[in-house]
Amino acid sequence: MPYHLRLTDEDLLRCRFALSPLWETQEAVRTLGRPDRHGYHVPWLRRARRAARGLDLAPFRLLMPRRGHSPDFMGPPPIGPAATFDEEIARVRGADPEAARADLAMALADTPGALRSPEGRALLADPARTIQHLADLLEAAWQVLIAPDWPRLRALLEADVAFHSRRLASVGLGALLPELDRRISLSGRLLTVAGKPDHGRDLDGGGLVLMPSVFSWPDVVSGFEPPWQPTLVYPARGLAGLWAAPGDRTPDALATLGRLLGRGRAAVLAALDEPATTSALAHRLGLAPSSVSAHLTTLRASGLLLSRRYGHQVHYERTPLGSALLAESGAMDAMDNEGGEGVMGGAGG
């Protein structure tokens, strides 16, 4: 069953990208309790679960159903292309209590047993107090779960926005949307998100926000009813290599990859955390352009890279298979060093 957004010509001209540290904070909380979201984030989870023991996450478990409504005021569409967490949490604190109460009631109704529970009734009894309490909990979660890694997360999200902005200029919105996620499509003025509850909304010239997310993976999140601006949240590019960034890759991990591919090809694959040209890679790695070109050809033929032409330049990027291989080499090395330590089970808090 699809989710539909009906766009006008003005909406097509008012599509914009944005990112949100507040959104990543609430989705990180959600990820702690969702095993289906753990995949790429296992290295982060090892640290986050320990840190989350000091957080009160119980209210979020009532307000974040597996399927259904979550309060829009807790994670509204970003107010700009790169708002700070402080700016966004101030917006949460300024939410209208009566509108927030209706928002909370919808979320509690979608969580089995929550609406009639003592905890749920307490959240609804004094919405002004609940707003401030939830904002305090979100701020604590930000400090513990996201802020230490925000430079890394922001770099990945900004790289996604830069890449897809170029694609938007090159191929247009209709071709771009399926590249963001195969579940999104545009036919004429009708934008469809497959696999969602059957629902429709007229944008009426308000435009559309496209927002990459680290912790929303593997979901595409659509919605935000009036007065919120319609927003599509999609999984950011490069998640497979997020927690194995170049500065964190140990010599042993790169050696593991080198034994599989050869040292030069491994170095080229590891260097492609964002699309790059042959000459840029050669400069970055201190190798001859001819050597880099030969490595790129082999990696592309093996399905680990793909190339895209922009004007006179060809940019190379990792395929999901290439990113998975790179992440797996680091994970195998980490497991060897930890003596095969398993991942902790259960939700944080």
C-alpha atoms as a PDB file:
ATOM      1  CA  MET A   1       0.000   0.000   0.000  1.00  0.00           C
ATOM      2  CA  PRO A   2       1.533   3.346  -1.007  1.00  0.00           C
ATOM      3  CA  TYR A   3       1.878   6.761   0.575  1.00  0.00           C
ATOM      4  CA  HIS A   4       1.169   9.573  -1.908  1.00  0.00           C
ATOM      5  CA  LEU A   5       2.234  13.205  -2.000  1.00  0.00           C
ATOM      6  CA  ARG A   6       0.560  15.335  -4.663  1.00  0.00           C
ATOM      7  CA  LEU A   7       2.927  18.103  -5.794  1.00  0.00           C
ATOM      8  CA  THR A   8       2.282  21.335  -7.662  1.00  0.00           C
ATOM      9  CA  ASP A   9       4.694  23.063 -10.021  1.00  0.00           C
ATOM     10  CA  GLU A  10       5.668  25.329  -7.124  1.00  0.00           C
ATOM     11  CA  ASP A  11       6.448  22.316  -4.930  1.00  0.00           C
ATOM     12  CA  LEU A  12       8.794  20.956  -7.597  1.00  0.00           C
ATOM     13  CA  LEU A  13      10.695  24.239  -7.442  1.00  0.00           C
ATOM     14  CA  ARG A  14      10.830  24.269  -3.627  1.00  0.00           C
ATOM     15  CA  CYS A  15      12.418  20.897  -2.903  1.00  0.00           C
ATOM     16  CA  ARG A  16      15.416  21.238  -0.606  1.00  0.00           C
ATOM     17  CA  PHE A  17      17.887  19.067   1.290  1.00  0.00           C
ATOM     18  CA  ALA A  18      18.497  19.357   5.013  1.00  0.00           C
ATOM     19  CA  LEU A  19      19.976  17.395   7.902  1.00  0.00           C
ATOM     20  CA  SER A  20      19.017  17.285  11.554  1.00  0.00           C
ATOM     21  CA  PRO A  21      21.015  16.380  14.672  1.00  0.00           C
ATOM     22  CA  LEU A  22      17.732  16.248  16.619  1.00  0.00           C
ATOM     23  CA  TRP A  23      16.286  13.699  14.208  1.00  0.00           C
ATOM     24  CA  GLU A  24      19.410  11.544  14.476  1.00  0.00           C
ATOM     25  CA  THR A  25      19.128  11.701  18.274  1.00  0.00           C
ATOM     26  CA  GLN A  26      15.577  10.371  18.448  1.00  0.00           C
ATOM     27  CA  GLU A  27      16.280   7.776  15.746  1.00  0.00           C
ATOM     28  CA  ALA A  28      19.373   6.609  17.645  1.00  0.00           C
ATOM     29  CA  VAL A  29      17.121   6.032  20.664  1.00  0.00           C
ATOM     30  CA  ARG A  30      14.756   4.080  18.430  1.00  0.00           C
ATOM     31  CA  THR A  31      17.649   2.036  16.999  1.00  0.00           C
ATOM     32  CA  LEU A  32      18.657   0.843  20.479  1.00  0.00           C
ATOM     33  CA  GLY A  33      15.385  -1.049  20.754  1.00  0.00           C
ATOM     34  CA  ARG A  34      14.997  -2.159  17.132  1.00  0.00           C
ATOM     35  CA  PRO A  35      17.096  -5.244  16.206  1.00  0.00           C
ATOM     36  CA  ASP A  36      16.157  -4.806  12.541  1.00  0.00           C
ATOM     37  CA  ARG A  37      18.083  -1.512  12.566  1.00  0.00           C
ATOM     38  CA  HIS A  38      21.272  -2.838  14.148  1.00  0.00           C
ATOM     39  CA  GLY A  39      23.071  -4.101  10.995  1.00  0.00           C
ATOM     40  CA  TYR A  40      25.424  -1.269  10.035  1.00  0.00           C
ATOM     41  CA  HIS A  41      25.485   0.139  13.563  1.00  0.00           C
ATOM     42  CA  VAL A  42      26.875  -2.767  15.590  1.00  0.00           C
ATOM     43  CA  PRO A  43      30.177  -0.965  16.417  1.00  0.00           C
ATOM     44  CA  TRP A  44      28.214   2.063  17.642  1.00  0.00           C
ATOM     45  CA  LEU A  45      25.805  -0.141  19.597  1.00  0.00           C
ATOM     46  CA  ARG A  46      28.640  -1.701  21.592  1.00  0.00           C
ATOM     47  CA  ARG A  47      29.412   1.724  23.041  1.00  0.00           C
ATOM     48  CA  ALA A  48      25.910   3.176  23.019  1.00  0.00           C
ATOM     49  CA  ARG A  49      24.310   0.438  25.084  1.00  0.00           C
ATOM     50  CA  ARG A  50      26.799   0.996  27.887  1.00  0.00           C
ATOM     51  CA  ALA A  51      26.308   4.758  27.746  1.00  0.00           C
ATOM     52  CA  ALA A  52      22.499   4.462  27.568  1.00  0.00           C
ATOM     53  CA  ARG A  53      22.305   2.737  30.955  1.00  0.00           C
ATOM     54  CA  GLY A  54      22.264   6.166  32.582  1.00  0.00           C
ATOM     55  CA  LEU A  55      19.418   7.474  30.394  1.00  0.00           C
ATOM     56  CA  ASP A  56      15.686   7.360  31.075  1.00  0.00           C
ATOM     57  CA  LEU A  57      14.332   5.999  27.789  1.00  0.00           C
ATOM     58  CA  ALA A  58      11.008   4.629  29.098  1.00  0.00           C
ATOM     59  CA  PRO A  59       8.841   7.525  27.769  1.00  0.00           C
ATOM     60  CA  PHE A  60      10.326   7.100  24.298  1.00  0.00           C
ATOM     61  CA  ARG A  61       9.403   3.424  24.235  1.00  0.00           C
ATOM     62  CA  LEU A  62       5.761   4.449  24.736  1.00  0.00           C
ATOM     63  CA  LEU A  63       5.929   7.108  22.031  1.00  0.00           C
ATOM     64  CA  MET A  64       7.885   5.265  19.315  1.00  0.00           C
ATOM     65  CA  PRO A  65       5.669   2.453  18.005  1.00  0.00           C
ATOM     66  CA  ARG A  66       7.153  -0.025  15.543  1.00  0.00           C
ATOM     67  CA  ARG A  67       4.516   1.049  13.041  1.00  0.00           C
ATOM     68  CA  GLY A  68       2.321   4.080  13.363  1.00  0.00           C
ATOM     69  CA  HIS A  69       2.591   7.648  14.533  1.00  0.00           C
ATOM     70  CA  SER A  70       5.443   9.188  16.502  1.00  0.00           C
ATOM     71  CA  PRO A  71       5.057  12.728  17.878  1.00  0.00           C
ATOM     72  CA  ASP A  72       6.038  15.188  15.160  1.00  0.00           C
ATOM     73  CA  PHE A  73       6.908  17.897  17.679  1.00  0.00           C
ATOM     74  CA  MET A  74       9.734  15.706  19.091  1.00  0.00           C
ATOM     75  CA  GLY A  75      11.487  15.573  15.714  1.00  0.00           C
ATOM     76  CA  PRO A  76      10.024  18.216  13.421  1.00  0.00           C
ATOM     77  CA  PRO A  77      11.373  18.858   9.902  1.00  0.00           C
ATOM     78  CA  PRO A  78      14.666  20.787  10.151  1.00  0.00           C
ATOM     79  CA  ILE A  79      14.394  24.552  10.142  1.00  0.00           C
ATOM     80  CA  GLY A  80      17.334  24.979   7.763  1.00  0.00           C
ATOM     81  CA  PRO A  81      19.923  23.048   5.784  1.00  0.00           C
ATOM     82  CA  ALA A  82      22.222  22.658   8.806  1.00  0.00           C
ATOM     83  CA  ALA A  83      20.523  23.694  12.049  1.00  0.00           C
ATOM     84  CA  THR A  84      22.335  23.033  15.332  1.00  0.00           C
ATOM     85  CA  PHE A  85      20.947  20.759  18.018  1.00  0.00           C
ATOM     86  CA  ASP A  86      20.479  23.737  20.343  1.00  0.00           C
ATOM     87  CA  GLU A  87      18.359  25.510  17.728  1.00  0.00           C
ATOM     88  CA  GLU A  88      16.261  22.419  17.155  1.00  0.00           C
ATOM     89  CA  ILE A  89      15.696  21.517  20.805  1.00  0.00           C
ATOM     90  CA  ALA A  90      14.595  25.104  21.463  1.00  0.00           C
ATOM     91  CA  ARG A  91      11.899  24.532  18.863  1.00  0.00           C
ATOM     92  CA  VAL A  92      10.756  21.406  20.719  1.00  0.00           C
ATOM     93  CA  ARG A  93      10.566  23.332  23.992  1.00  0.00           C
ATOM     94  CA  GLY A  94       8.400  25.932  22.282  1.00  0.00           C
ATOM     95  CA  ALA A  95       5.782  23.418  21.094  1.00  0.00           C
ATOM     96  CA  ASP A  96       2.134  24.282  21.682  1.00  0.00           C
ATOM     97  CA  PRO A  97       0.864  22.132  24.602  1.00  0.00           C
ATOM     98  CA  GLU A  98      -2.594  21.435  23.136  1.00  0.00           C
ATOM     99  CA  ALA A  99      -1.187  20.437  19.744  1.00  0.00           C
ATOM    100  CA  ALA A 100       1.445  18.335  21.516  1.00  0.00           C
ATOM    101  CA  ARG A 101      -1.232  16.568  23.561  1.00  0.00           C
ATOM    102  CA  ALA A 102      -3.022  15.447  20.387  1.00  0.00           C
ATOM    103  CA  ASP A 103       0.343  14.386  18.931  1.00  0.00           C
ATOM    104  CA  LEU A 104       1.143  12.360  22.057  1.00  0.00           C
ATOM    105  CA  ALA A 105      -2.292  10.724  22.111  1.00  0.00           C
ATOM    106  CA  MET A 106      -1.901   9.511  18.519  1.00  0.00           C
ATOM    107  CA  ALA A 107       1.483   7.941  19.320  1.00  0.00           C
ATOM    108  CA  LEU A 108       0.222   6.297  22.511  1.00  0.00           C
ATOM    109  CA  ALA A 109      -2.770   4.880  20.628  1.00  0.00           C
ATOM    110  CA  ASP A 110      -0.393   3.150  18.198  1.00  0.00           C
ATOM    111  CA  THR A 111       1.612   1.543  21.036  1.00  0.00           C
ATOM    112  CA  PRO A 112      -0.345  -1.439  22.438  1.00  0.00           C
ATOM    113  CA  GLY A 113      -1.573  -0.702  25.975  1.00  0.00           C
ATOM    114  CA  ALA A 114       0.200   2.649  26.244  1.00  0.00           C
ATOM    115  CA  LEU A 115      -2.784   4.983  26.030  1.00  0.00           C
ATOM    116  CA  ARG A 116      -4.482   3.536  29.134  1.00  0.00           C
ATOM    117  CA  SER A 117      -1.298   2.854  31.097  1.00  0.00           C
ATOM    118  CA  PRO A 118      -0.454   5.027  34.133  1.00  0.00           C
ATOM    119  CA  GLU A 119       2.641   6.257  32.310  1.00  0.00           C
ATOM    120  CA  GLY A 120       0.657   7.185  29.216  1.00  0.00           C
ATOM    121  CA  ARG A 121      -2.003   8.991  31.225  1.00  0.00           C
ATOM    122  CA  ALA A 122       0.714  10.930  33.054  1.00  0.00           C
ATOM    123  CA  LEU A 123       2.194  12.107  29.742  1.00  0.00           C
ATOM    124  CA  LEU A 124      -1.218  13.424  28.652  1.00  0.00           C
ATOM    125  CA  ALA A 125      -2.237  14.944  31.984  1.00  0.00           C
ATOM    126  CA  ASP A 126       0.126  17.918  31.782  1.00  0.00           C
ATOM    127  CA  PRO A 127       1.351  18.334  28.176  1.00  0.00           C
ATOM    128  CA  ALA A 128       3.311  21.513  28.948  1.00  0.00           C
ATOM    129  CA  ARG A 129       5.333  19.651  31.576  1.00  0.00           C
ATOM    130  CA  THR A 130       5.666  16.620  29.279  1.00  0.00           C
ATOM    131  CA  ILE A 131       7.141  18.779  26.516  1.00  0.00           C
ATOM    132  CA  GLN A 132       9.879  20.064  28.805  1.00  0.00           C
ATOM    133  CA  HIS A 133      10.532  16.604  30.248  1.00  0.00           C
ATOM    134  CA  LEU A 134      10.871  15.001  26.808  1.00  0.00           C
ATOM    135  CA  ALA A 135      13.120  17.852  25.674  1.00  0.00           C
ATOM    136  CA  ASP A 136      15.351  17.253  28.708  1.00  0.00           C
ATOM    137  CA  LEU A 137      15.544  13.531  27.867  1.00  0.00           C
ATOM    138  CA  LEU A 138      16.333  14.260  24.219  1.00  0.00           C
ATOM    139  CA  GLU A 139      19.095  16.650  25.274  1.00  0.00           C
ATOM    140  CA  ALA A 140      20.603  13.997  27.549  1.00  0.00           C
ATOM    141  CA  ALA A 141      20.387  11.425  24.745  1.00  0.00           C
ATOM    142  CA  TRP A 142      22.087  13.850  22.359  1.00  0.00           C
ATOM    143  CA  GLN A 143      24.994  14.385  24.739  1.00  0.00           C
ATOM    144  CA  VAL A 144      25.504  10.658  25.350  1.00  0.00           C
ATOM    145  CA  LEU A 145      24.573   8.956  22.078  1.00  0.00           C
ATOM    146  CA  ILE A 146      25.195  11.423  19.251  1.00  0.00           C
ATOM    147  CA  ALA A 147      27.384  14.403  20.209  1.00  0.00           C
ATOM    148  CA  PRO A 148      30.634  12.361  20.550  1.00  0.00           C
ATOM    149  CA  ASP A 149      30.191  11.079  16.971  1.00  0.00           C
ATOM    150  CA  TRP A 150      28.446  14.090  15.439  1.00  0.00           C
ATOM    151  CA  PRO A 151      31.458  15.314  13.391  1.00  0.00           C
ATOM    152  CA  ARG A 152      31.629  11.888  11.718  1.00  0.00           C
ATOM    153  CA  LEU A 153      27.865  11.678  11.227  1.00  0.00           C
ATOM    154  CA  ARG A 154      27.632  15.229   9.919  1.00  0.00           C
ATOM    155  CA  ALA A 155      30.431  14.581   7.407  1.00  0.00           C
ATOM    156  CA  LEU A 156      28.578  11.556   6.038  1.00  0.00           C
ATOM    157  CA  LEU A 157      25.258  13.410   5.851  1.00  0.00           C
ATOM    158  CA  GLU A 158      26.825  16.473   4.221  1.00  0.00           C
ATOM    159  CA  ALA A 159      28.564  14.240   1.660  1.00  0.00           C
ATOM    160  CA  ASP A 160      25.191  12.665   0.862  1.00  0.00           C
ATOM    161  CA  VAL A 161      23.573  16.067   0.384  1.00  0.00           C
ATOM    162  CA  ALA A 162      26.447  17.271  -1.809  1.00  0.00           C
ATOM    163  CA  PHE A 163      26.294  14.160  -3.980  1.00  0.00           C
ATOM    164  CA  HIS A 164      22.527  14.128  -4.406  1.00  0.00           C
ATOM    165  CA  SER A 165      22.388  17.878  -5.002  1.00  0.00           C
ATOM    166  CA  ARG A 166      24.710  17.332  -7.960  1.00  0.00           C
ATOM    167  CA  ARG A 167      22.519  14.471  -9.132  1.00  0.00           C
ATOM    168  CA  LEU A 168      19.402  16.653  -8.836  1.00  0.00           C
ATOM    169  CA  ALA A 169      21.021  19.284 -11.030  1.00  0.00           C
ATOM    170  CA  SER A 170      22.137  16.612 -13.492  1.00  0.00           C
ATOM    171  CA  VAL A 171      19.120  14.301 -13.847  1.00  0.00           C
ATOM    172  CA  GLY A 172      16.167  16.113 -12.236  1.00  0.00           C
ATOM    173  CA  LEU A 173      13.865  15.187  -9.373  1.00  0.00           C
ATOM    174  CA  GLY A 174      12.053  12.340 -11.137  1.00  0.00           C
ATOM    175  CA  ALA A 175      15.254  10.392 -11.753  1.00  0.00           C
ATOM    176  CA  LEU A 176      16.814  11.350  -8.415  1.00  0.00           C
ATOM    177  CA  LEU A 177      14.072  10.049  -6.113  1.00  0.00           C
ATOM    178  CA  PRO A 178      14.526   6.324  -6.946  1.00  0.00           C
ATOM    179  CA  GLU A 179      18.271   6.828  -6.417  1.00  0.00           C
ATOM    180  CA  LEU A 180      17.561   8.019  -2.865  1.00  0.00           C
ATOM    181  CA  ASP A 181      15.653   4.789  -2.268  1.00  0.00           C
ATOM    182  CA  ARG A 182      14.024   2.332  -4.670  1.00  0.00           C
ATOM    183  CA  ARG A 183      10.715   2.666  -2.763  1.00  0.00           C
ATOM    184  CA  ILE A 184      10.342   6.330  -3.821  1.00  0.00           C
ATOM    185  CA  SER A 185       9.070   7.307  -7.268  1.00  0.00           C
ATOM    186  CA  LEU A 186       7.611  10.310  -9.072  1.00  0.00           C
ATOM    187  CA  SER A 187       5.065  10.060 -11.879  1.00  0.00           C
ATOM    188  CA  GLY A 188       3.953  13.417 -13.178  1.00  0.00           C
ATOM    189  CA  ARG A 189       3.074  15.345 -10.032  1.00  0.00           C
ATOM    190  CA  LEU A 190       2.432  12.269  -7.856  1.00  0.00           C
ATOM    191  CA  LEU A 191       5.199  11.162  -5.481  1.00  0.00           C
ATOM    192  CA  THR A 192       4.761   7.625  -4.153  1.00  0.00           C
ATOM    193  CA  VAL A 193       6.455   5.839  -1.264  1.00  0.00           C
ATOM    194  CA  ALA A 194       5.815   2.100  -1.568  1.00  0.00           C
ATOM    195  CA  GLY A 195       5.253  -0.116   1.449  1.00  0.00           C
ATOM    196  CA  LYS A 196       3.531   2.571   3.529  1.00  0.00           C
ATOM    197  CA  PRO A 197      -0.041   2.821   4.829  1.00  0.00           C
ATOM    198  CA  ASP A 198      -2.404   4.116   2.149  1.00  0.00           C
ATOM    199  CA  HIS A 199      -2.486   7.855   2.708  1.00  0.00           C
ATOM    200  CA  GLY A 200      -2.332  11.012   0.634  1.00  0.00           C
ATOM    201  CA  ARG A 201      -1.481  14.655   1.087  1.00  0.00           C
ATOM    202  CA  ASP A 202      -1.564  17.732  -1.123  1.00  0.00           C
ATOM    203  CA  LEU A 203       1.576  19.814  -0.698  1.00  0.00           C
ATOM    204  CA  ASP A 204      -0.118  22.999  -2.003  1.00  0.00           C
ATOM    205  CA  GLY A 205       3.130  24.816  -2.796  1.00  0.00           C
ATOM    206  CA  GLY A 206       4.841  24.311   0.572  1.00  0.00           C
ATOM    207  CA  GLY A 207       7.699  22.363  -0.977  1.00  0.00           C
ATOM    208  CA  LEU A 208       9.355  19.146   0.129  1.00  0.00           C
ATOM    209  CA  VAL A 209      12.327  18.492   2.425  1.00  0.00           C
ATOM    210  CA  LEU A 210      14.639  15.604   1.477  1.00  0.00           C
ATOM    211  CA  MET A 211      16.641  14.501   4.508  1.00  0.00           C
ATOM    212  CA  PRO A 212      19.333  11.800   4.636  1.00  0.00           C
ATOM    213  CA  SER A 213      19.577   9.932   7.925  1.00  0.00           C
ATOM    214  CA  VAL A 214      22.060   7.573   9.512  1.00  0.00           C
ATOM    215  CA  PHE A 215      19.852   5.944  12.131  1.00  0.00           C
ATOM    216  CA  SER A 216      16.576   5.733  10.185  1.00  0.00           C
ATOM    217  CA  TRP A 217      18.050   2.894   8.091  1.00  0.00           C
ATOM    218  CA  PRO A 218      16.564   0.740   6.621  1.00  0.00           C
ATOM    219  CA  ASP A 219      13.298   2.710   6.708  1.00  0.00           C
ATOM    220  CA  VAL A 220      12.049   5.504   4.512  1.00  0.00           C
ATOM    221  CA  VAL A 221      10.094   7.877   6.751  1.00  0.00           C
ATOM    222  CA  SER A 222       7.364   9.969   5.173  1.00  0.00           C
ATOM    223  CA  GLY A 223       4.675  12.084   6.661  1.00  0.00           C
ATOM    224  CA  PHE A 224       4.617  15.110   8.970  1.00  0.00           C
ATOM    225  CA  GLU A 225       1.047  16.331   8.810  1.00  0.00           C
ATOM    226  CA  PRO A 226       0.114  20.040   8.826  1.00  0.00           C
ATOM    227  CA  PRO A 227       1.374  22.398  10.055  1.00  0.00           C
ATOM    228  CA  TRP A 228       4.710  20.626   9.476  1.00  0.00           C
ATOM    229  CA  GLN A 229       6.409  20.801   6.090  1.00  0.00           C
ATOM    230  CA  PRO A 230       6.276  17.431   4.253  1.00  0.00           C
ATOM    231  CA  THR A 231       9.574  15.578   4.599  1.00  0.00           C
ATOM    232  CA  LEU A 232      11.050  12.407   3.161  1.00  0.00           C
ATOM    233  CA  VAL A 233      13.748  10.824   5.330  1.00  0.00           C
ATOM    234  CA  TYR A 234      15.893   8.275   3.496  1.00  0.00           C
ATOM    235  CA  PRO A 235      18.972   6.166   4.429  1.00  0.00           C
ATOM    236  CA  ALA A 236      22.189   8.097   3.800  1.00  0.00           C
ATOM    237  CA  ARG A 237      24.838   6.813   1.402  1.00  0.00           C
ATOM    238  CA  GLY A 238      27.982   5.170   2.778  1.00  0.00           C
ATOM    239  CA  LEU A 239      26.551   3.612   5.935  1.00  0.00           C
ATOM    240  CA  ALA A 240      28.547   0.404   5.487  1.00  0.00           C
ATOM    241  CA  GLY A 241      31.791   2.306   6.009  1.00  0.00           C
ATOM    242  CA  LEU A 242      30.552   4.801   8.608  1.00  0.00           C
ATOM    243  CA  TRP A 243      31.988   3.170  11.706  1.00  0.00           C
ATOM    244  CA  ALA A 244      35.159   2.112   9.885  1.00  0.00           C
ATOM    245  CA  ALA A 245      36.246   5.575   8.782  1.00  0.00           C
ATOM    246  CA  PRO A 246      39.852   5.934   7.498  1.00  0.00           C
ATOM    247  CA  GLY A 247      41.165   7.360  10.747  1.00  0.00           C
ATOM    248  CA  ASP A 248      39.811   4.384  12.672  1.00  0.00           C
ATOM    249  CA  ARG A 249      40.887   1.600  10.342  1.00  0.00           C
ATOM    250  CA  THR A 250      43.725  -0.275  11.932  1.00  0.00           C
ATOM    251  CA  PRO A 251      46.761  -1.379   9.934  1.00  0.00           C
ATOM    252  CA  ASP A 252      45.648  -4.958  10.577  1.00  0.00           C
ATOM    253  CA  ALA A 253      42.212  -4.273   9.100  1.00  0.00           C
ATOM    254  CA  LEU A 254      43.717  -2.746   5.970  1.00  0.00           C
ATOM    255  CA  ALA A 255      46.144  -5.633   5.805  1.00  0.00           C
ATOM    256  CA  THR A 256      43.195  -8.046   5.885  1.00  0.00           C
ATOM    257  CA  LEU A 257      41.655  -6.208   2.949  1.00  0.00           C
ATOM    258  CA  GLY A 258      45.037  -6.064   1.242  1.00  0.00           C
ATOM    259  CA  ARG A 259      45.349  -9.839   1.368  1.00  0.00           C
ATOM    260  CA  LEU A 260      42.014 -10.100  -0.431  1.00  0.00           C
ATOM    261  CA  LEU A 261      42.515  -7.426  -3.082  1.00  0.00           C
ATOM    262  CA  GLY A 262      46.166  -6.460  -3.078  1.00  0.00           C
ATOM    263  CA  ARG A 263      47.596  -3.496  -1.199  1.00  0.00           C
ATOM    264  CA  GLY A 264      47.077  -0.872  -3.912  1.00  0.00           C
ATOM    265  CA  ARG A 265      43.490  -1.818  -4.723  1.00  0.00           C
ATOM    266  CA  ALA A 266      42.659  -2.024  -1.001  1.00  0.00           C
ATOM    267  CA  ALA A 267      44.013   1.505  -0.479  1.00  0.00           C
ATOM    268  CA  VAL A 268      41.938   2.853  -3.377  1.00  0.00           C
ATOM    269  CA  LEU A 269      38.748   1.181  -2.126  1.00  0.00           C
ATOM    270  CA  ALA A 270      39.327   2.458   1.420  1.00  0.00           C
ATOM    271  CA  ALA A 271      39.925   6.016   0.180  1.00  0.00           C
ATOM    272  CA  LEU A 272      36.529   6.274  -1.535  1.00  0.00           C
ATOM    273  CA  ASP A 273      34.411   7.364   1.426  1.00  0.00           C
ATOM    274  CA  GLU A 274      32.991   9.903  -0.989  1.00  0.00           C
ATOM    275  CA  PRO A 275      33.090   9.997  -4.813  1.00  0.00           C
ATOM    276  CA  ALA A 276      36.448  11.038  -6.277  1.00  0.00           C
ATOM    277  CA  THR A 277      38.247  11.279  -9.611  1.00  0.00           C
ATOM    278  CA  THR A 278      41.345   9.347 -10.610  1.00  0.00           C
ATOM    279  CA  SER A 279      43.561  12.410 -10.178  1.00  0.00           C
ATOM    280  CA  ALA A 280      42.084  13.231  -6.755  1.00  0.00           C
ATOM    281  CA  LEU A 281      42.701   9.675  -5.561  1.00  0.00           C
ATOM    282  CA  ALA A 282      46.237   9.703  -6.940  1.00  0.00           C
ATOM    283  CA  HIS A 283      46.985  12.921  -5.052  1.00  0.00           C
ATOM    284  CA  ARG A 284      45.344  11.618  -1.875  1.00  0.00           C
ATOM    285  CA  LEU A 285      47.237   8.323  -1.918  1.00  0.00           C
ATOM    286  CA  GLY A 286      50.550   9.506  -3.357  1.00  0.00           C
ATOM    287  CA  LEU A 287      50.297   7.058  -6.266  1.00  0.00           C
ATOM    288  CA  ALA A 288      50.788   7.497  -9.991  1.00  0.00           C
ATOM    289  CA  PRO A 289      47.527   8.258 -11.829  1.00  0.00           C
ATOM    290  CA  SER A 290      48.180   5.336 -14.162  1.00  0.00           C
ATOM    291  CA  SER A 291      48.396   2.937 -11.191  1.00  0.00           C
ATOM    292  CA  VAL A 292      45.207   4.326  -9.640  1.00  0.00           C
ATOM    293  CA  SER A 293      43.442   4.043 -12.995  1.00  0.00           C
ATOM    294  CA  ALA A 294      44.418   0.374 -13.287  1.00  0.00           C
ATOM    295  CA  HIS A 295      43.189  -0.339  -9.750  1.00  0.00           C
ATOM    296  CA  LEU A 296      39.895   1.451 -10.433  1.00  0.00           C
ATOM    297  CA  THR A 297      39.343  -0.583 -13.578  1.00  0.00           C
ATOM    298  CA  THR A 298      39.854  -3.860 -11.700  1.00  0.00           C
ATOM    299  CA  LEU A 299      37.647  -2.819  -8.770  1.00  0.00           C
ATOM    300  CA  ARG A 300      34.864  -1.692 -11.090  1.00  0.00           C
ATOM    301  CA  ALA A 301      35.033  -4.930 -13.076  1.00  0.00           C
ATOM    302  CA  SER A 302      34.721  -6.822  -9.784  1.00  0.00           C
ATOM    303  CA  GLY A 303      31.507  -4.978  -8.869  1.00  0.00           C
ATOM    304  CA  LEU A 304      33.104  -3.063  -5.984  1.00  0.00           C
ATOM    305  CA  LEU A 305      32.959   0.371  -7.646  1.00  0.00           C
ATOM    306  CA  LEU A 306      30.806   2.230 -10.106  1.00  0.00           C
ATOM    307  CA  SER A 307      31.594   5.337 -12.112  1.00  0.00           C
ATOM    308  CA  ARG A 308      29.515   8.372 -13.026  1.00  0.00           C
ATOM    309  CA  ARG A 309      30.396  11.099 -15.499  1.00  0.00           C
ATOM    310  CA  TYR A 310      29.930  14.772 -14.598  1.00  0.00           C
ATOM    311  CA  GLY A 311      30.899  16.924 -17.566  1.00  0.00           C
ATOM    312  CA  HIS A 312      34.495  16.068 -18.406  1.00  0.00           C
ATOM    313  CA  GLN A 313      35.157  14.302 -15.096  1.00  0.00           C
ATOM    314  CA  VAL A 314      34.505  10.718 -14.063  1.00  0.00           C
ATOM    315  CA  HIS A 315      33.805  10.141 -10.374  1.00  0.00           C
ATOM    316  CA  TYR A 316      34.200   6.735  -8.767  1.00  0.00           C
ATOM    317  CA  GLU A 317      32.298   5.515  -5.737  1.00  0.00           C
ATOM    318  CA  ARG A 318      31.899   2.286  -3.818  1.00  0.00           C
ATOM    319  CA  THR A 319      28.954   0.005  -4.520  1.00  0.00           C
ATOM    320  CA  PRO A 320      27.087  -1.508  -1.548  1.00  0.00           C
ATOM    321  CA  LEU A 321      29.174  -4.647  -2.122  1.00  0.00           C
ATOM    322  CA  GLY A 322      32.398  -2.610  -1.951  1.00  0.00           C
ATOM    323  CA  SER A 323      31.300  -0.853   1.237  1.00  0.00           C
ATOM    324  CA  ALA A 324      30.219  -4.128   2.804  1.00  0.00           C
ATOM    325  CA  LEU A 325      33.573  -5.749   1.986  1.00  0.00           C
ATOM    326  CA  LEU A 326      35.450  -2.823   3.501  1.00  0.00           C
ATOM    327  CA  ALA A 327      33.317  -2.849   6.647  1.00  0.00           C
ATOM    328  CA  GLU A 328      33.557  -6.621   6.936  1.00  0.00           C
ATOM    329  CA  SER A 329      37.361  -6.564   6.799  1.00  0.00           C
ATOM    330  CA  GLY A 330      37.403  -4.155   9.744  1.00  0.00           C
ATOM    331  CA  ALA A 331      34.792  -6.174  11.621  1.00  0.00           C
ATOM    332  CA  MET A 332      36.730  -9.413  11.162  1.00  0.00           C
ATOM    333  CA  ASP A 333      39.882  -7.782  12.465  1.00  0.00           C
ATOM    334  CA  ALA A 334      38.016  -6.304  15.450  1.00  0.00           C
ATOM    335  CA  MET A 335      36.572  -9.705  16.314  1.00  0.00           C
ATOM    336  CA  ASP A 336      40.025 -11.260  16.147  1.00  0.00           C
ATOM    337  CA  ASN A 337      41.398  -8.589  18.457  1.00  0.00           C
ATOM    338  CA  GLU A 338      38.465  -8.942  20.905  1.00  0.00           C
ATOM    339  CA  GLY A 339      38.589 -12.718  20.921  1.00  0.00           C
ATOM    340  CA  GLY A 340      35.191 -12.967  19.207  1.00  0.00           C
ATOM    341  CA  GLU A 341      33.277 -10.858  21.731  1.00  0.00           C
ATOM    342  CA  GLY A 342      29.560 -11.014  20.982  1.00  0.00           C
ATOM    343  CA  VAL A 343      27.157  -8.130  20.637  1.00  0.00           C
ATOM    344  CA  MET A 344      25.125  -7.273  23.726  1.00  0.00           C
ATOM    345  CA  GLY A 345      21.430  -8.050  23.408  1.00  0.00           C
ATOM    346  CA  GLY A 346      18.319  -6.147  24.426  1.00  0.00           C
ATOM    347  CA  ALA A 347      17.359  -2.499  24.332  1.00  0.00           C
ATOM    348  CA  GLY A 348      19.195   0.251  26.142  1.00  0.00           C
ATOM    349  CA  GLY A 349      17.905   1.938  29.255  1.00  0.00           C
END
